[in-house]
Amino acid sequence: MNNFIHPTSTVDPTVSLGNNNYVGPYCYITGNTTIGNNNKFEGHCSIGTPAEHRDYFNSSLGKVSIGNNNVIREFTTIHSGTSDNTTILKNNIIILNHSHVAHDCIIDHKVNISANVTFAGHVFIMEGANIALGTVVHQYAVIGAYSMVGMNSTVTLKSKIIPGTVCIGTPSQPVRENTVGLKRSGVTPQKLEEFNQQYNNILNGSY
């Protein structure tokens, strides 16, 4: 399987680990956690511990699902879902140091998360979004595909982080189109319209 697990790290027997993963020093991976292939966990990551929710501190019912080709940097924490729910990270995601992914979050493909970003529970981050330094995201908030959230932003339930926009402030709101990001990622107007429809579906609970 060609996984490297540093001798100071713990990967519990309950964890399903794919191929060619790197687990750096002093990591702790536990719970009902499934990890795909070619992921990199740098030192002191904590994955799969119970949700930080008063009803679930002593529960191991929730799950974590992590896909392929993700980079998780130092001191990142990713908590399990609540009850039978799953915290989901898909593929080709970058999470920089000291970031936190709470219970029941969904992070779609190609998302970039900078250092010291905090996602509360049930947050949905759509494909290709970029979240800058120190951003805080409220429970149940949705961040649109290929949007850019500026550093030290606060994303509240009143924020409208529409796909393909640059958003700043507290509460964070769109200020212009993310022209550079959309062009760099090859997102066509037709594809952006699809992302807008998906965004509305998620907000309406029909995704």
N, C-alpha and C. Protein backbone atom coordinates (compact mmCIF):
# COMPACT_ATOMS: atom_id res chain seq x y z
N MET A 1 0.82 -1.22 0.00
CA MET A 1 0.00 0.00 0.00
C MET A 1 0.85 1.26 0.00
N ASN A 2 2.11 1.14 0.34
CA ASN A 2 3.07 2.24 0.24
C ASN A 2 2.68 3.47 1.04
N ASN A 3 2.01 3.29 2.17
CA ASN A 3 1.72 4.41 3.05
C ASN A 3 2.90 4.63 3.99
N PHE A 4 3.25 5.90 4.20
CA PHE A 4 4.26 6.23 5.20
C PHE A 4 3.55 6.80 6.42
N ILE A 5 3.73 6.19 7.55
CA ILE A 5 3.17 6.66 8.81
C ILE A 5 4.32 6.88 9.77
N HIS A 6 4.54 8.12 10.18
CA HIS A 6 5.64 8.43 11.07
C HIS A 6 5.47 7.66 12.38
N PRO A 7 6.56 7.17 12.96
CA PRO A 7 6.45 6.35 14.18
C PRO A 7 5.83 7.08 15.37
N THR A 8 5.79 8.40 15.35
CA THR A 8 5.16 9.13 16.45
C THR A 8 3.65 9.33 16.24
N SER A 9 3.14 8.92 15.08
CA SER A 9 1.73 9.12 14.77
C SER A 9 0.90 7.89 15.11
N THR A 10 -0.41 8.11 15.29
CA THR A 10 -1.34 7.03 15.57
C THR A 10 -2.42 7.01 14.50
N VAL A 11 -2.58 5.87 13.85
CA VAL A 11 -3.68 5.63 12.93
C VAL A 11 -4.44 4.43 13.48
N ASP A 12 -5.63 4.67 14.02
CA ASP A 12 -6.37 3.61 14.68
C ASP A 12 -6.84 2.53 13.72
N PRO A 13 -7.08 1.32 14.21
CA PRO A 13 -7.55 0.22 13.34
C PRO A 13 -8.90 0.48 12.69
N THR A 14 -9.65 1.43 13.23
CA THR A 14 -10.96 1.76 12.65
C THR A 14 -10.84 2.57 11.37
N VAL A 15 -9.65 3.05 11.06
CA VAL A 15 -9.43 3.91 9.89
C VAL A 15 -9.15 3.07 8.65
N SER A 16 -9.81 3.42 7.55
CA SER A 16 -9.53 2.80 6.25
C SER A 16 -8.61 3.73 5.46
N LEU A 17 -7.42 3.26 5.18
CA LEU A 17 -6.39 4.09 4.54
C LEU A 17 -6.04 3.49 3.19
N GLY A 18 -6.10 4.33 2.13
CA GLY A 18 -5.80 3.87 0.78
C GLY A 18 -4.32 3.70 0.54
N ASN A 19 -3.84 4.14 -0.62
CA ASN A 19 -2.46 3.93 -1.03
C ASN A 19 -1.69 5.24 -1.13
N ASN A 20 -0.38 5.14 -0.89
CA ASN A 20 0.56 6.24 -1.13
C ASN A 20 0.23 7.49 -0.32
N ASN A 21 -0.24 7.30 0.90
CA ASN A 21 -0.49 8.43 1.79
C ASN A 21 0.72 8.68 2.68
N TYR A 22 0.90 9.94 3.05
CA TYR A 22 1.97 10.34 3.96
C TYR A 22 1.33 10.90 5.23
N VAL A 23 1.69 10.33 6.37
CA VAL A 23 1.20 10.79 7.67
C VAL A 23 2.41 11.23 8.48
N GLY A 24 2.56 12.52 8.67
CA GLY A 24 3.74 13.08 9.31
C GLY A 24 3.75 12.93 10.81
N PRO A 25 4.72 13.54 11.49
CA PRO A 25 4.91 13.36 12.93
C PRO A 25 3.72 13.80 13.77
N TYR A 26 3.41 13.01 14.79
CA TYR A 26 2.45 13.35 15.84
C TYR A 26 1.03 13.59 15.31
N CYS A 27 0.68 12.95 14.23
CA CYS A 27 -0.70 13.00 13.76
C CYS A 27 -1.55 11.97 14.52
N TYR A 28 -2.85 12.24 14.60
CA TYR A 28 -3.79 11.32 15.23
C TYR A 28 -4.98 11.18 14.30
N ILE A 29 -5.16 9.98 13.74
CA ILE A 29 -6.26 9.70 12.83
C ILE A 29 -7.08 8.57 13.43
N THR A 30 -8.36 8.83 13.67
CA THR A 30 -9.16 7.91 14.44
C THR A 30 -10.59 7.87 13.92
N GLY A 31 -11.44 7.14 14.63
CA GLY A 31 -12.87 7.13 14.33
C GLY A 31 -13.21 6.36 13.07
N ASN A 32 -14.43 6.58 12.62
CA ASN A 32 -14.94 5.94 11.40
C ASN A 32 -14.51 6.79 10.21
N THR A 33 -13.23 6.70 9.89
CA THR A 33 -12.60 7.58 8.91
C THR A 33 -12.13 6.77 7.71
N THR A 34 -12.46 7.26 6.52
CA THR A 34 -12.02 6.65 5.27
C THR A 34 -11.17 7.66 4.51
N ILE A 35 -9.98 7.25 4.13
CA ILE A 35 -9.04 8.12 3.42
C ILE A 35 -8.62 7.43 2.13
N GLY A 36 -8.64 8.17 1.03
CA GLY A 36 -8.30 7.62 -0.28
C GLY A 36 -6.79 7.52 -0.49
N ASN A 37 -6.35 7.99 -1.66
CA ASN A 37 -4.97 7.80 -2.09
C ASN A 37 -4.23 9.12 -2.23
N ASN A 38 -2.91 9.05 -2.06
CA ASN A 38 -2.00 10.16 -2.38
C ASN A 38 -2.29 11.42 -1.57
N ASN A 39 -2.69 11.25 -0.32
CA ASN A 39 -2.91 12.39 0.56
C ASN A 39 -1.67 12.63 1.42
N LYS A 40 -1.50 13.88 1.84
CA LYS A 40 -0.35 14.23 2.67
C LYS A 40 -0.85 14.97 3.92
N PHE A 41 -0.57 14.38 5.09
CA PHE A 41 -0.92 14.97 6.37
C PHE A 41 0.37 15.36 7.07
N GLU A 42 0.61 16.65 7.18
CA GLU A 42 1.82 17.10 7.87
C GLU A 42 1.63 16.99 9.38
N GLY A 43 2.65 17.37 10.15
CA GLY A 43 2.69 17.09 11.58
C GLY A 43 1.53 17.65 12.38
N HIS A 44 1.12 16.88 13.40
CA HIS A 44 0.16 17.31 14.41
C HIS A 44 -1.26 17.50 13.88
N CYS A 45 -1.61 16.85 12.80
CA CYS A 45 -3.00 16.86 12.35
C CYS A 45 -3.84 15.94 13.24
N SER A 46 -5.11 16.32 13.44
CA SER A 46 -6.05 15.48 14.18
C SER A 46 -7.29 15.27 13.32
N ILE A 47 -7.55 14.00 12.98
CA ILE A 47 -8.62 13.66 12.03
C ILE A 47 -9.55 12.64 12.65
N GLY A 48 -10.86 12.90 12.61
CA GLY A 48 -11.84 11.89 12.98
C GLY A 48 -12.29 11.86 14.41
N THR A 49 -11.85 12.81 15.23
CA THR A 49 -12.32 12.85 16.61
C THR A 49 -13.78 13.33 16.65
N PRO A 50 -14.48 13.10 17.77
CA PRO A 50 -15.91 13.43 17.82
C PRO A 50 -16.18 14.92 17.57
N ALA A 51 -17.39 15.17 17.09
CA ALA A 51 -17.82 16.54 16.82
C ALA A 51 -17.76 17.40 18.09
N GLU A 52 -17.37 18.66 17.91
CA GLU A 52 -17.40 19.61 19.03
C GLU A 52 -18.84 20.14 19.16
N HIS A 53 -19.67 19.29 19.70
CA HIS A 53 -21.10 19.55 19.88
C HIS A 53 -21.49 18.85 21.17
N ARG A 54 -22.18 19.52 22.05
CA ARG A 54 -22.41 18.98 23.39
C ARG A 54 -23.10 17.62 23.38
N ASP A 55 -23.83 17.31 22.32
CA ASP A 55 -24.51 16.02 22.26
C ASP A 55 -23.63 14.89 21.74
N TYR A 56 -22.40 15.23 21.29
CA TYR A 56 -21.60 14.22 20.60
C TYR A 56 -20.17 14.13 21.11
N PHE A 57 -19.84 14.77 22.23
CA PHE A 57 -18.46 14.72 22.71
C PHE A 57 -17.97 13.29 22.96
N ASN A 58 -18.86 12.43 23.38
CA ASN A 58 -18.46 11.05 23.69
C ASN A 58 -18.98 10.06 22.65
N SER A 59 -19.31 10.55 21.46
CA SER A 59 -19.88 9.70 20.43
C SER A 59 -18.85 9.38 19.36
N SER A 60 -18.95 8.18 18.80
CA SER A 60 -18.09 7.81 17.67
C SER A 60 -18.93 7.41 16.46
N LEU A 61 -20.19 7.88 16.43
CA LEU A 61 -21.11 7.44 15.39
C LEU A 61 -20.83 8.09 14.03
N GLY A 62 -20.38 9.35 14.05
CA GLY A 62 -20.19 10.06 12.79
C GLY A 62 -19.00 9.55 12.00
N LYS A 63 -18.88 10.04 10.77
CA LYS A 63 -17.84 9.58 9.87
C LYS A 63 -17.05 10.75 9.30
N VAL A 64 -15.87 10.44 8.79
CA VAL A 64 -15.07 11.35 7.98
C VAL A 64 -14.72 10.62 6.69
N SER A 65 -14.90 11.30 5.57
CA SER A 65 -14.51 10.75 4.27
C SER A 65 -13.58 11.74 3.58
N ILE A 66 -12.36 11.32 3.30
CA ILE A 66 -11.37 12.16 2.63
C ILE A 66 -10.96 11.45 1.34
N GLY A 67 -11.00 12.18 0.24
CA GLY A 67 -10.75 11.59 -1.07
C GLY A 67 -9.28 11.44 -1.39
N ASN A 68 -8.88 11.94 -2.56
CA ASN A 68 -7.53 11.71 -3.09
C ASN A 68 -6.79 13.03 -3.34
N ASN A 69 -5.46 12.95 -3.25
CA ASN A 69 -4.57 14.04 -3.67
C ASN A 69 -4.78 15.33 -2.88
N ASN A 70 -5.04 15.18 -1.59
CA ASN A 70 -5.22 16.35 -0.73
C ASN A 70 -3.97 16.62 0.09
N VAL A 71 -3.74 17.90 0.38
CA VAL A 71 -2.62 18.32 1.22
C VAL A 71 -3.19 18.97 2.47
N ILE A 72 -2.92 18.37 3.63
CA ILE A 72 -3.42 18.86 4.91
C ILE A 72 -2.20 19.27 5.74
N ARG A 73 -2.05 20.55 6.00
CA ARG A 73 -0.84 21.01 6.66
C ARG A 73 -0.96 20.99 8.19
N GLU A 74 0.12 21.42 8.86
CA GLU A 74 0.29 21.22 10.29
C GLU A 74 -0.86 21.76 11.14
N PHE A 75 -1.18 21.02 12.21
CA PHE A 75 -2.13 21.42 13.24
C PHE A 75 -3.55 21.63 12.71
N THR A 76 -3.88 21.01 11.59
CA THR A 76 -5.26 21.05 11.10
C THR A 76 -6.09 20.03 11.86
N THR A 77 -7.35 20.39 12.16
CA THR A 77 -8.28 19.48 12.81
C THR A 77 -9.49 19.27 11.91
N ILE A 78 -9.91 18.02 11.78
CA ILE A 78 -11.08 17.66 10.98
C ILE A 78 -11.92 16.72 11.84
N HIS A 79 -13.11 17.16 12.22
CA HIS A 79 -13.94 16.39 13.14
C HIS A 79 -14.94 15.51 12.39
N SER A 80 -15.34 14.45 13.05
CA SER A 80 -16.31 13.53 12.45
C SER A 80 -17.69 14.17 12.41
N GLY A 81 -18.56 13.59 11.59
CA GLY A 81 -19.93 14.05 11.51
C GLY A 81 -20.71 13.68 12.75
N THR A 82 -21.90 14.23 12.86
CA THR A 82 -22.80 13.92 13.97
C THR A 82 -23.71 12.75 13.59
N SER A 83 -24.05 11.93 14.58
CA SER A 83 -24.92 10.76 14.36
C SER A 83 -24.39 9.94 13.19
N ASP A 84 -25.23 9.69 12.18
CA ASP A 84 -24.79 8.90 11.02
C ASP A 84 -24.31 9.79 9.87
N ASN A 85 -24.04 11.05 10.14
CA ASN A 85 -23.61 11.98 9.10
C ASN A 85 -22.10 11.89 8.88
N THR A 86 -21.65 12.52 7.79
CA THR A 86 -20.26 12.42 7.38
C THR A 86 -19.68 13.79 7.10
N THR A 87 -18.51 14.07 7.64
CA THR A 87 -17.70 15.21 7.22
C THR A 87 -16.95 14.78 5.97
N ILE A 88 -17.11 15.54 4.88
CA ILE A 88 -16.61 15.11 3.57
C ILE A 88 -15.60 16.10 3.01
N LEU A 89 -14.42 15.59 2.67
CA LEU A 89 -13.45 16.33 1.87
C LEU A 89 -13.23 15.52 0.60
N LYS A 90 -13.41 16.16 -0.54
CA LYS A 90 -13.30 15.43 -1.80
C LYS A 90 -11.85 15.39 -2.28
N ASN A 91 -11.54 15.82 -3.49
CA ASN A 91 -10.21 15.61 -4.07
C ASN A 91 -9.49 16.92 -4.35
N ASN A 92 -8.16 16.85 -4.33
CA ASN A 92 -7.31 17.98 -4.75
C ASN A 92 -7.56 19.24 -3.93
N ILE A 93 -7.70 19.05 -2.64
CA ILE A 93 -7.93 20.15 -1.69
C ILE A 93 -6.62 20.47 -0.99
N ILE A 94 -6.39 21.76 -0.75
CA ILE A 94 -5.25 22.20 0.05
C ILE A 94 -5.78 22.91 1.29
N ILE A 95 -5.34 22.45 2.47
CA ILE A 95 -5.70 23.11 3.73
C ILE A 95 -4.40 23.47 4.44
N LEU A 96 -4.19 24.76 4.67
CA LEU A 96 -2.95 25.20 5.31
C LEU A 96 -3.08 25.17 6.84
N ASN A 97 -2.00 25.49 7.51
CA ASN A 97 -1.83 25.19 8.93
C ASN A 97 -2.84 25.86 9.84
N HIS A 98 -3.13 25.17 10.95
CA HIS A 98 -4.01 25.66 12.02
C HIS A 98 -5.44 25.93 11.55
N SER A 99 -5.90 25.24 10.55
CA SER A 99 -7.28 25.38 10.12
C SER A 99 -8.16 24.32 10.76
N HIS A 100 -9.46 24.58 10.80
CA HIS A 100 -10.40 23.68 11.48
C HIS A 100 -11.61 23.43 10.59
N VAL A 101 -11.91 22.14 10.39
CA VAL A 101 -13.10 21.71 9.65
C VAL A 101 -14.00 21.00 10.65
N ALA A 102 -15.13 21.60 10.97
CA ALA A 102 -16.02 21.05 11.99
C ALA A 102 -16.91 19.95 11.42
N HIS A 103 -17.73 19.40 12.29
CA HIS A 103 -18.63 18.29 11.95
C HIS A 103 -19.56 18.62 10.79
N ASP A 104 -19.77 17.63 9.95
CA ASP A 104 -20.77 17.67 8.88
C ASP A 104 -20.48 18.67 7.76
N CYS A 105 -19.26 19.16 7.70
CA CYS A 105 -18.89 20.04 6.58
C CYS A 105 -18.71 19.22 5.31
N ILE A 106 -18.93 19.88 4.17
CA ILE A 106 -18.64 19.30 2.86
C ILE A 106 -17.72 20.26 2.13
N ILE A 107 -16.55 19.78 1.74
CA ILE A 107 -15.59 20.57 0.98
C ILE A 107 -15.39 19.89 -0.37
N ASP A 108 -15.78 20.57 -1.41
CA ASP A 108 -15.77 19.99 -2.75
C ASP A 108 -14.36 20.01 -3.35
N HIS A 109 -14.24 19.54 -4.58
CA HIS A 109 -12.96 19.41 -5.26
C HIS A 109 -12.25 20.76 -5.43
N LYS A 110 -10.91 20.72 -5.40
CA LYS A 110 -10.04 21.83 -5.80
C LYS A 110 -10.19 23.07 -4.94
N VAL A 111 -10.62 22.92 -3.70
CA VAL A 111 -10.75 24.05 -2.80
C VAL A 111 -9.39 24.36 -2.17
N ASN A 112 -9.07 25.65 -2.04
CA ASN A 112 -7.84 26.09 -1.39
C ASN A 112 -8.20 26.85 -0.11
N ILE A 113 -7.68 26.37 1.02
CA ILE A 113 -7.99 26.95 2.32
C ILE A 113 -6.69 27.41 2.94
N SER A 114 -6.58 28.70 3.23
CA SER A 114 -5.34 29.24 3.77
C SER A 114 -5.25 28.98 5.27
N ALA A 115 -4.20 29.50 5.90
CA ALA A 115 -3.93 29.24 7.31
C ALA A 115 -4.97 29.90 8.22
N ASN A 116 -5.23 29.24 9.35
CA ASN A 116 -6.08 29.78 10.41
C ASN A 116 -7.50 30.07 9.95
N VAL A 117 -8.02 29.23 9.09
CA VAL A 117 -9.41 29.32 8.65
C VAL A 117 -10.25 28.39 9.53
N THR A 118 -11.44 28.86 9.93
CA THR A 118 -12.32 28.07 10.78
C THR A 118 -13.68 27.90 10.12
N PHE A 119 -14.07 26.63 9.91
CA PHE A 119 -15.41 26.31 9.42
C PHE A 119 -16.21 25.73 10.57
N ALA A 120 -17.33 26.34 10.91
CA ALA A 120 -18.23 25.75 11.89
C ALA A 120 -19.00 24.60 11.24
N GLY A 121 -19.91 23.98 11.98
CA GLY A 121 -20.57 22.77 11.49
C GLY A 121 -21.49 23.01 10.30
N HIS A 122 -21.61 21.99 9.46
CA HIS A 122 -22.55 21.95 8.34
C HIS A 122 -22.25 22.98 7.25
N VAL A 123 -21.02 23.44 7.16
CA VAL A 123 -20.64 24.39 6.11
C VAL A 123 -20.45 23.64 4.79
N PHE A 124 -20.84 24.26 3.68
CA PHE A 124 -20.65 23.67 2.35
C PHE A 124 -19.75 24.60 1.54
N ILE A 125 -18.58 24.10 1.15
CA ILE A 125 -17.63 24.85 0.32
C ILE A 125 -17.64 24.24 -1.07
N MET A 126 -18.11 24.99 -2.05
CA MET A 126 -18.23 24.47 -3.40
C MET A 126 -16.88 24.41 -4.12
N GLU A 127 -16.87 23.72 -5.23
CA GLU A 127 -15.66 23.46 -6.02
C GLU A 127 -14.86 24.72 -6.31
N GLY A 128 -13.54 24.61 -6.13
CA GLY A 128 -12.62 25.64 -6.57
C GLY A 128 -12.60 26.92 -5.77
N ALA A 129 -13.32 26.98 -4.65
CA ALA A 129 -13.32 28.19 -3.84
C ALA A 129 -11.95 28.41 -3.20
N ASN A 130 -11.62 29.67 -2.98
CA ASN A 130 -10.38 30.05 -2.30
C ASN A 130 -10.72 30.84 -1.05
N ILE A 131 -10.25 30.35 0.10
CA ILE A 131 -10.57 30.96 1.38
C ILE A 131 -9.27 31.51 1.97
N ALA A 132 -9.19 32.81 2.15
CA ALA A 132 -7.92 33.43 2.56
C ALA A 132 -7.73 33.40 4.07
N LEU A 133 -6.54 33.83 4.49
CA LEU A 133 -6.07 33.78 5.88
C LEU A 133 -7.11 34.27 6.89
N GLY A 134 -7.30 33.47 7.93
CA GLY A 134 -8.06 33.93 9.07
C GLY A 134 -9.56 34.07 8.89
N THR A 135 -10.09 33.49 7.83
CA THR A 135 -11.54 33.59 7.59
C THR A 135 -12.30 32.70 8.57
N VAL A 136 -13.45 33.19 9.03
CA VAL A 136 -14.33 32.43 9.93
C VAL A 136 -15.68 32.27 9.24
N VAL A 137 -16.19 31.04 9.23
CA VAL A 137 -17.41 30.73 8.49
C VAL A 137 -18.45 30.16 9.44
N HIS A 138 -19.61 30.78 9.48
CA HIS A 138 -20.71 30.41 10.37
C HIS A 138 -21.32 29.07 9.98
N GLN A 139 -21.96 28.41 10.96
CA GLN A 139 -22.67 27.16 10.69
C GLN A 139 -23.66 27.31 9.53
N TYR A 140 -23.73 26.29 8.71
CA TYR A 140 -24.68 26.17 7.60
C TYR A 140 -24.45 27.18 6.46
N ALA A 141 -23.36 27.93 6.52
CA ALA A 141 -23.07 28.85 5.43
C ALA A 141 -22.64 28.09 4.18
N VAL A 142 -22.81 28.72 3.02
CA VAL A 142 -22.42 28.13 1.74
C VAL A 142 -21.48 29.10 1.03
N ILE A 143 -20.35 28.61 0.56
CA ILE A 143 -19.40 29.42 -0.19
C ILE A 143 -19.37 28.92 -1.62
N GLY A 144 -19.68 29.82 -2.54
CA GLY A 144 -19.88 29.45 -3.94
C GLY A 144 -18.61 29.01 -4.66
N ALA A 145 -18.81 28.28 -5.74
CA ALA A 145 -17.71 27.75 -6.53
C ALA A 145 -16.87 28.87 -7.13
N TYR A 146 -15.56 28.67 -7.08
CA TYR A 146 -14.59 29.59 -7.68
C TYR A 146 -14.77 31.03 -7.20
N SER A 147 -15.27 31.17 -5.97
CA SER A 147 -15.27 32.47 -5.32
C SER A 147 -13.95 32.64 -4.58
N MET A 148 -13.67 33.89 -4.23
CA MET A 148 -12.47 34.21 -3.44
C MET A 148 -12.92 35.00 -2.23
N VAL A 149 -12.69 34.44 -1.04
CA VAL A 149 -13.06 35.13 0.21
C VAL A 149 -11.79 35.74 0.79
N GLY A 150 -11.77 37.07 0.94
CA GLY A 150 -10.59 37.78 1.38
C GLY A 150 -10.23 37.52 2.83
N MET A 151 -8.98 37.78 3.19
CA MET A 151 -8.49 37.42 4.52
C MET A 151 -9.22 38.19 5.62
N ASN A 152 -9.33 37.52 6.77
CA ASN A 152 -10.01 38.05 7.95
C ASN A 152 -11.50 38.32 7.72
N SER A 153 -12.07 37.70 6.73
CA SER A 153 -13.50 37.84 6.49
C SER A 153 -14.30 37.02 7.50
N THR A 154 -15.54 37.45 7.72
CA THR A 154 -16.49 36.69 8.52
C THR A 154 -17.68 36.35 7.63
N VAL A 155 -17.85 35.08 7.35
CA VAL A 155 -18.97 34.64 6.51
C VAL A 155 -20.12 34.26 7.43
N THR A 156 -21.19 35.05 7.41
CA THR A 156 -22.36 34.80 8.23
C THR A 156 -23.46 34.18 7.37
N LEU A 157 -24.57 33.86 8.00
CA LEU A 157 -25.70 33.33 7.23
C LEU A 157 -26.30 34.40 6.32
N LYS A 158 -26.02 35.67 6.58
CA LYS A 158 -26.50 36.74 5.72
C LYS A 158 -25.56 37.01 4.55
N SER A 159 -24.36 36.46 4.60
CA SER A 159 -23.42 36.64 3.49
C SER A 159 -23.90 35.89 2.26
N LYS A 160 -23.68 36.47 1.11
CA LYS A 160 -24.02 35.82 -0.16
C LYS A 160 -22.74 35.63 -0.95
N ILE A 161 -22.08 34.50 -0.69
CA ILE A 161 -20.81 34.21 -1.36
C ILE A 161 -21.14 33.50 -2.67
N ILE A 162 -21.52 34.29 -3.64
CA ILE A 162 -22.03 33.79 -4.92
C ILE A 162 -20.87 33.21 -5.73
N PRO A 163 -21.11 32.12 -6.48
CA PRO A 163 -20.04 31.56 -7.32
C PRO A 163 -19.40 32.61 -8.23
N GLY A 164 -18.08 32.54 -8.31
CA GLY A 164 -17.34 33.39 -9.23
C GLY A 164 -17.18 34.83 -8.79
N THR A 165 -17.30 35.11 -7.49
CA THR A 165 -17.15 36.48 -7.00
C THR A 165 -15.99 36.60 -6.03
N VAL A 166 -15.51 37.83 -5.84
CA VAL A 166 -14.56 38.16 -4.79
C VAL A 166 -15.35 38.79 -3.66
N CYS A 167 -15.16 38.26 -2.43
CA CYS A 167 -15.96 38.69 -1.29
C CYS A 167 -15.04 39.11 -0.15
N ILE A 168 -15.38 40.21 0.52
CA ILE A 168 -14.57 40.69 1.64
C ILE A 168 -15.49 41.22 2.74
N GLY A 169 -14.93 41.38 3.93
CA GLY A 169 -15.61 42.12 4.98
C GLY A 169 -16.29 41.27 6.02
N THR A 170 -16.96 41.98 6.95
CA THR A 170 -17.71 41.36 8.04
C THR A 170 -19.06 42.06 8.16
N PRO A 171 -20.15 41.45 7.72
CA PRO A 171 -20.17 40.14 7.07
C PRO A 171 -19.63 40.23 5.64
N SER A 172 -19.02 39.15 5.20
CA SER A 172 -18.41 39.12 3.87
C SER A 172 -19.48 39.19 2.79
N GLN A 173 -19.23 40.03 1.78
CA GLN A 173 -20.17 40.21 0.67
C GLN A 173 -19.40 40.39 -0.63
N PRO A 174 -20.01 40.06 -1.78
CA PRO A 174 -19.32 40.22 -3.06
C PRO A 174 -19.01 41.68 -3.37
N VAL A 175 -17.81 41.90 -3.93
CA VAL A 175 -17.44 43.25 -4.37
C VAL A 175 -17.17 43.30 -5.87
N ARG A 176 -16.87 42.17 -6.49
CA ARG A 176 -16.66 42.13 -7.94
C ARG A 176 -16.57 40.68 -8.40
N GLU A 177 -16.53 40.48 -9.69
CA GLU A 177 -16.35 39.13 -10.23
C GLU A 177 -14.91 38.67 -10.05
N ASN A 178 -14.74 37.40 -9.81
CA ASN A 178 -13.40 36.81 -9.65
C ASN A 178 -12.84 36.50 -11.05
N THR A 179 -12.57 37.54 -11.79
CA THR A 179 -12.20 37.39 -13.20
C THR A 179 -10.95 36.54 -13.38
N VAL A 180 -9.92 36.82 -12.60
CA VAL A 180 -8.66 36.08 -12.73
C VAL A 180 -8.86 34.61 -12.38
N GLY A 181 -9.54 34.35 -11.27
CA GLY A 181 -9.75 32.98 -10.85
C GLY A 181 -10.57 32.16 -11.84
N LEU A 182 -11.62 32.78 -12.38
CA LEU A 182 -12.46 32.08 -13.36
C LEU A 182 -11.68 31.77 -14.63
N LYS A 183 -10.89 32.73 -15.10
CA LYS A 183 -10.10 32.52 -16.31
C LYS A 183 -9.03 31.46 -16.08
N ARG A 184 -8.35 31.54 -14.96
CA ARG A 184 -7.28 30.58 -14.66
C ARG A 184 -7.83 29.16 -14.57
N SER A 185 -9.04 29.02 -14.08
CA SER A 185 -9.64 27.69 -13.90
C SER A 185 -10.43 27.23 -15.11
N GLY A 186 -10.55 28.06 -16.13
CA GLY A 186 -11.26 27.67 -17.34
C GLY A 186 -12.76 27.52 -17.16
N VAL A 187 -13.33 28.31 -16.25
CA VAL A 187 -14.77 28.23 -16.01
C VAL A 187 -15.50 29.08 -17.04
N THR A 188 -16.30 28.45 -17.88
CA THR A 188 -17.06 29.14 -18.92
C THR A 188 -18.31 29.79 -18.32
N PRO A 189 -18.91 30.76 -19.02
CA PRO A 189 -20.17 31.34 -18.53
C PRO A 189 -21.25 30.29 -18.32
N GLN A 190 -21.29 29.28 -19.19
CA GLN A 190 -22.29 28.22 -19.05
C GLN A 190 -22.06 27.41 -17.77
N LYS A 191 -20.77 27.12 -17.50
CA LYS A 191 -20.45 26.36 -16.29
C LYS A 191 -20.74 27.19 -15.05
N LEU A 192 -20.46 28.49 -15.11
CA LEU A 192 -20.74 29.37 -13.98
C LEU A 192 -22.23 29.39 -13.68
N GLU A 193 -23.06 29.38 -14.72
CA GLU A 193 -24.50 29.34 -14.51
C GLU A 193 -24.92 28.04 -13.83
N GLU A 194 -24.27 26.94 -14.20
CA GLU A 194 -24.55 25.66 -13.52
C GLU A 194 -24.19 25.74 -12.04
N PHE A 195 -23.05 26.37 -11.75
CA PHE A 195 -22.64 26.52 -10.35
C PHE A 195 -23.63 27.40 -9.59
N ASN A 196 -24.14 28.45 -10.24
CA ASN A 196 -25.13 29.31 -9.58
C ASN A 196 -26.40 28.53 -9.25
N GLN A 197 -26.81 27.64 -10.15
CA GLN A 197 -27.99 26.82 -9.89
C GLN A 197 -27.73 25.86 -8.73
N GLN A 198 -26.53 25.26 -8.73
CA GLN A 198 -26.17 24.36 -7.63
C GLN A 198 -26.15 25.12 -6.31
N TYR A 199 -25.59 26.32 -6.31
CA TYR A 199 -25.54 27.16 -5.11
C TYR A 199 -26.94 27.41 -4.55
N ASN A 200 -27.86 27.77 -5.44
CA ASN A 200 -29.24 28.01 -5.00
C ASN A 200 -29.89 26.74 -4.47
N ASN A 201 -29.58 25.61 -5.11
CA ASN A 201 -30.13 24.34 -4.63
C ASN A 201 -29.64 24.00 -3.23
N ILE A 202 -28.35 24.24 -2.99
CA ILE A 202 -27.80 23.96 -1.66
C ILE A 202 -28.47 24.86 -0.62
N LEU A 203 -28.63 26.15 -0.94
CA LEU A 203 -29.27 27.06 0.00
C LEU A 203 -30.71 26.62 0.30
N ASN A 204 -31.36 26.05 -0.70
CA ASN A 204 -32.75 25.62 -0.53
C ASN A 204 -32.88 24.22 0.04
N GLY A 205 -31.74 23.58 0.30
CA GLY A 205 -31.76 22.26 0.89
C GLY A 205 -32.15 21.16 -0.07
N SER A 206 -32.01 21.43 -1.38
CA SER A 206 -32.45 20.43 -2.37
C SER A 206 -31.29 19.90 -3.19
N TYR A 207 -30.05 20.07 -2.66
CA TYR A 207 -28.89 19.60 -3.40
C TYR A 207 -28.79 18.07 -3.33
